[in-house]
Amino acid sequence: MANVFKIEGTSCEGCKSIIEETLLKENNIDRADLDLETKQLIIRSDNEFSVADVQEIFNKEDLNYTVKDTTFND
């Protein structure tokens, strides 16, 4: 299952690596891919993730990124 989000606060390959590596530490995430140009994050997992779920993962690692739902336009 693909879970798609928009991530704010990313600007470089370092951010991309930190986000992907942090998410892959979670037992229930198989793959995490962040496109820096579109700010789109795709999480592949057997589980469904909410914006709050992903934000909680970032918060517990003290990462200053904001997770948004992709179904709403800015």
Protein backbone atom coordinates (compact mmCIF):
# COMPACT_ATOMS: atom_id res chain seq x y z
CA MET A 1 0.00 0.00 0.00
CA ALA A 2 1.27 3.47 -0.86
CA ASN A 3 0.73 6.33 1.58
CA VAL A 4 1.38 9.74 0.01
CA PHE A 5 2.11 12.98 1.87
CA LYS A 6 3.55 16.42 1.29
CA ILE A 7 6.54 17.35 3.46
CA GLU A 8 7.41 20.97 4.25
CA GLY A 9 10.81 22.11 5.48
CA THR A 10 12.95 20.02 3.14
CA SER A 11 15.53 21.59 0.87
CA CYS A 12 18.49 19.29 0.26
CA GLU A 13 19.71 15.73 -0.16
CA GLY A 14 20.60 15.70 3.55
CA CYS A 15 16.94 16.32 4.46
CA LYS A 16 15.87 13.60 2.04
CA SER A 17 18.29 11.09 3.57
CA ILE A 18 17.30 11.93 7.15
CA ILE A 19 13.59 11.55 6.39
CA GLU A 20 13.94 8.30 4.47
CA GLU A 21 16.34 6.74 7.00
CA THR A 22 14.16 7.79 9.96
CA LEU A 23 11.07 6.23 8.41
CA LEU A 24 12.87 3.03 7.48
CA LYS A 25 13.76 2.51 11.15
CA GLU A 26 10.06 1.83 11.74
CA ASN A 27 9.30 -1.90 11.63
CA ASN A 28 6.13 -1.49 9.57
CA ILE A 29 7.60 0.65 6.76
CA ASP A 30 9.06 -1.19 3.77
CA ARG A 31 10.12 1.81 1.70
CA ALA A 32 10.16 5.60 1.95
CA ASP A 33 10.85 7.89 -1.01
CA LEU A 34 10.93 11.69 -0.90
CA ASP A 35 10.95 13.75 -4.09
CA LEU A 36 12.65 17.04 -3.19
CA GLU A 37 11.23 18.88 -6.20
CA THR A 38 7.58 18.10 -5.47
CA LYS A 39 8.05 17.60 -1.69
CA GLN A 40 6.04 14.39 -2.10
CA LEU A 41 6.75 11.53 0.30
CA ILE A 42 5.63 8.02 -0.58
CA ILE A 43 5.64 5.43 2.19
CA ARG A 44 5.20 1.82 1.16
CA SER A 45 3.82 -0.44 3.86
CA ASP A 46 1.18 -3.05 4.56
CA ASN A 47 -0.27 -0.49 7.00
CA GLU A 48 -2.08 2.74 6.38
CA PHE A 49 -0.46 5.89 7.80
CA SER A 50 -2.12 9.19 8.64
CA VAL A 51 -0.55 12.64 8.66
CA ALA A 52 -0.53 12.40 12.47
CA ASP A 53 1.29 9.05 12.38
CA VAL A 54 4.11 10.39 10.22
CA GLN A 55 4.30 13.66 12.15
CA GLU A 56 4.63 11.67 15.39
CA ILE A 57 7.58 9.72 13.95
CA PHE A 58 9.29 13.00 13.02
CA ASN A 59 8.50 14.60 16.38
CA LYS A 60 9.92 11.73 18.43
CA GLU A 61 13.17 12.09 16.46
CA ASP A 62 13.13 15.91 16.92
CA LEU A 63 12.85 16.52 13.18
CA ASN A 64 11.45 19.90 12.17
CA TYR A 65 9.42 18.82 9.14
CA THR A 66 5.71 19.37 8.63
CA VAL A 67 3.56 16.61 7.19
CA LYS A 68 0.48 17.49 5.12
CA ASP A 69 -2.18 15.51 3.34
CA THR A 70 -1.86 15.57 -0.44
CA THR A 71 -5.62 15.65 -1.01
CA PHE A 72 -5.75 19.37 -0.22
CA ASN A 73 -4.29 22.09 -2.42
CA ASP A 74 -2.28 24.92 -0.91
